[in-house]
Amino acid sequence: MTKQTAVEFLIDNLHYSTSTKWKEIIEEAKKMENEQKGYSEEDMVEYAEFCINEYEKNLNNKNK
């Protein structure tokens, strides 16, 4: 069984519930979404640059 995304959860639950429970369902979907967030391309590029810089610093320190 695959893990349900926040959007799938929201659609499934809002469709079959009364409007009085919508706020609870939306809050649960927001919580799920925060747990499912990954790293952006910008985050990954920044991390790669950090790794390269650290590697070069270590190389320079070994060659001294």
N, C-alpha and C. Protein backbone atom coordinates (compact mmCIF):
# COMPACT_ATOMS: atom_id res chain seq x y z
N MET A 1 0.84 -1.19 0.00
CA MET A 1 0.00 0.00 0.00
C MET A 1 0.89 1.25 0.00
N THR A 2 0.63 2.16 -0.91
CA THR A 2 1.40 3.39 -0.97
C THR A 2 0.84 4.40 0.03
N LYS A 3 1.71 5.26 0.50
CA LYS A 3 1.29 6.28 1.46
C LYS A 3 0.45 7.32 0.74
N GLN A 4 -0.64 7.70 1.35
CA GLN A 4 -1.54 8.68 0.77
C GLN A 4 -0.94 10.08 0.91
N THR A 5 -1.00 10.86 -0.15
CA THR A 5 -0.52 12.23 -0.08
C THR A 5 -1.54 13.09 0.67
N ALA A 6 -1.11 14.27 1.09
CA ALA A 6 -2.00 15.18 1.79
C ALA A 6 -3.17 15.58 0.91
N VAL A 7 -2.92 15.78 -0.37
CA VAL A 7 -3.99 16.16 -1.30
C VAL A 7 -4.99 15.02 -1.46
N GLU A 8 -4.51 13.81 -1.60
CA GLU A 8 -5.42 12.66 -1.72
C GLU A 8 -6.26 12.50 -0.45
N PHE A 9 -5.62 12.65 0.70
CA PHE A 9 -6.32 12.59 1.97
C PHE A 9 -7.43 13.64 2.02
N LEU A 10 -7.08 14.85 1.64
CA LEU A 10 -8.03 15.97 1.66
C LEU A 10 -9.22 15.70 0.76
N ILE A 11 -8.96 15.28 -0.45
CA ILE A 11 -10.05 15.00 -1.41
C ILE A 11 -10.95 13.89 -0.88
N ASP A 12 -10.35 12.80 -0.44
CA ASP A 12 -11.15 11.67 0.06
C ASP A 12 -12.01 12.06 1.24
N ASN A 13 -11.44 12.80 2.17
CA ASN A 13 -12.17 13.11 3.39
C ASN A 13 -13.15 14.25 3.26
N LEU A 14 -12.84 15.25 2.48
CA LEU A 14 -13.80 16.35 2.30
C LEU A 14 -15.01 15.90 1.49
N HIS A 15 -14.77 15.02 0.58
CA HIS A 15 -15.86 14.55 -0.28
C HIS A 15 -16.96 13.86 0.52
N TYR A 16 -16.57 13.10 1.54
CA TYR A 16 -17.55 12.29 2.27
C TYR A 16 -17.91 12.84 3.65
N SER A 17 -17.48 14.01 3.99
CA SER A 17 -17.76 14.54 5.32
C SER A 17 -18.71 15.73 5.26
N THR A 18 -19.21 16.07 6.43
CA THR A 18 -20.06 17.24 6.54
C THR A 18 -19.17 18.47 6.72
N SER A 19 -19.72 19.61 6.46
CA SER A 19 -18.92 20.83 6.53
C SER A 19 -18.43 21.12 7.94
N THR A 20 -19.04 20.56 8.96
CA THR A 20 -18.61 20.82 10.33
C THR A 20 -17.26 20.19 10.63
N LYS A 21 -16.85 19.17 9.89
CA LYS A 21 -15.56 18.52 10.11
C LYS A 21 -14.48 19.03 9.17
N TRP A 22 -14.80 19.89 8.24
CA TRP A 22 -13.83 20.35 7.25
C TRP A 22 -12.59 20.98 7.87
N LYS A 23 -12.78 21.80 8.90
CA LYS A 23 -11.64 22.48 9.52
C LYS A 23 -10.64 21.45 10.07
N GLU A 24 -11.14 20.42 10.75
CA GLU A 24 -10.27 19.37 11.28
C GLU A 24 -9.54 18.64 10.16
N ILE A 25 -10.26 18.35 9.10
CA ILE A 25 -9.68 17.61 7.97
C ILE A 25 -8.61 18.44 7.29
N ILE A 26 -8.87 19.72 7.10
CA ILE A 26 -7.89 20.61 6.47
C ILE A 26 -6.64 20.73 7.34
N GLU A 27 -6.80 20.82 8.65
CA GLU A 27 -5.65 20.90 9.55
C GLU A 27 -4.82 19.62 9.49
N GLU A 28 -5.48 18.47 9.43
CA GLU A 28 -4.77 17.20 9.31
C GLU A 28 -4.01 17.13 7.99
N ALA A 29 -4.61 17.62 6.91
CA ALA A 29 -3.95 17.63 5.60
C ALA A 29 -2.73 18.53 5.63
N LYS A 30 -2.82 19.67 6.30
CA LYS A 30 -1.67 20.58 6.42
C LYS A 30 -0.53 19.90 7.18
N LYS A 31 -0.88 19.19 8.24
CA LYS A 31 0.12 18.47 9.02
C LYS A 31 0.81 17.41 8.14
N MET A 32 0.02 16.67 7.38
CA MET A 32 0.57 15.65 6.48
C MET A 32 1.49 16.28 5.45
N GLU A 33 1.07 17.42 4.90
CA GLU A 33 1.87 18.09 3.88
C GLU A 33 3.23 18.50 4.42
N ASN A 34 3.25 19.03 5.64
CA ASN A 34 4.53 19.43 6.25
C ASN A 34 5.44 18.24 6.43
N GLU A 35 4.89 17.08 6.78
CA GLU A 35 5.69 15.87 6.96
C GLU A 35 6.23 15.35 5.63
N GLN A 36 5.52 15.65 4.53
CA GLN A 36 5.89 15.11 3.23
C GLN A 36 6.81 16.03 2.44
N LYS A 37 7.06 17.22 2.94
CA LYS A 37 7.90 18.15 2.19
C LYS A 37 9.31 17.61 2.03
N GLY A 38 9.83 17.78 0.86
CA GLY A 38 11.19 17.34 0.58
C GLY A 38 12.09 18.54 0.40
N TYR A 39 13.24 18.30 -0.13
CA TYR A 39 14.20 19.36 -0.37
C TYR A 39 14.00 19.93 -1.77
N SER A 40 14.13 21.24 -1.90
CA SER A 40 13.99 21.89 -3.20
C SER A 40 15.29 21.72 -3.98
N GLU A 41 15.22 22.02 -5.26
CA GLU A 41 16.41 21.97 -6.10
C GLU A 41 17.45 22.97 -5.58
N GLU A 42 16.98 24.12 -5.15
CA GLU A 42 17.88 25.14 -4.60
C GLU A 42 18.59 24.62 -3.34
N ASP A 43 17.86 23.91 -2.48
CA ASP A 43 18.47 23.32 -1.29
C ASP A 43 19.57 22.33 -1.66
N MET A 44 19.31 21.52 -2.66
CA MET A 44 20.26 20.49 -3.07
C MET A 44 21.52 21.12 -3.69
N VAL A 45 21.35 22.16 -4.49
CA VAL A 45 22.50 22.85 -5.09
C VAL A 45 23.34 23.48 -3.99
N GLU A 46 22.68 24.12 -3.04
CA GLU A 46 23.39 24.75 -1.93
C GLU A 46 24.18 23.70 -1.13
N TYR A 47 23.57 22.55 -0.89
CA TYR A 47 24.26 21.49 -0.15
C TYR A 47 25.45 20.95 -0.95
N ALA A 48 25.27 20.78 -2.25
CA ALA A 48 26.37 20.29 -3.09
C ALA A 48 27.54 21.28 -3.07
N GLU A 49 27.24 22.56 -3.15
CA GLU A 49 28.30 23.57 -3.09
C GLU A 49 29.01 23.53 -1.74
N PHE A 50 28.25 23.36 -0.67
CA PHE A 50 28.84 23.24 0.66
C PHE A 50 29.79 22.05 0.71
N CYS A 51 29.36 20.91 0.20
CA CYS A 51 30.20 19.69 0.21
C CYS A 51 31.48 19.89 -0.58
N ILE A 52 31.38 20.52 -1.74
CA ILE A 52 32.57 20.78 -2.57
C ILE A 52 33.53 21.71 -1.83
N ASN A 53 33.00 22.75 -1.23
CA ASN A 53 33.85 23.70 -0.49
C ASN A 53 34.55 23.01 0.68
N GLU A 54 33.84 22.17 1.40
CA GLU A 54 34.44 21.45 2.53
C GLU A 54 35.51 20.48 2.04
N TYR A 55 35.25 19.81 0.94
CA TYR A 55 36.22 18.89 0.36
C TYR A 55 37.49 19.63 -0.02
N GLU A 56 37.34 20.79 -0.67
CA GLU A 56 38.50 21.58 -1.08
C GLU A 56 39.27 22.10 0.14
N LYS A 57 38.58 22.49 1.19
CA LYS A 57 39.25 22.93 2.42
C LYS A 57 40.07 21.78 3.00
N ASN A 58 39.50 20.61 3.04
CA ASN A 58 40.22 19.45 3.57
C ASN A 58 41.43 19.10 2.73
N LEU A 59 41.30 19.21 1.41
CA LEU A 59 42.43 18.95 0.52
C LEU A 59 43.55 19.95 0.79
N ASN A 60 43.19 21.21 0.91
CA ASN A 60 44.18 22.26 1.17
C ASN A 60 44.87 22.04 2.51
N ASN A 61 44.14 21.61 3.51
CA ASN A 61 44.73 21.36 4.83
C ASN A 61 45.66 20.16 4.82
N LYS A 62 45.36 19.15 4.03
CA LYS A 62 46.23 17.97 3.93
C LYS A 62 47.53 18.28 3.19
N ASN A 63 47.47 19.22 2.26
CA ASN A 63 48.64 19.54 1.45
C ASN A 63 49.58 20.53 2.14
N LYS A 64 49.24 20.99 3.30
CA LYS A 64 50.09 21.97 4.01
C LYS A 64 51.18 21.28 4.77
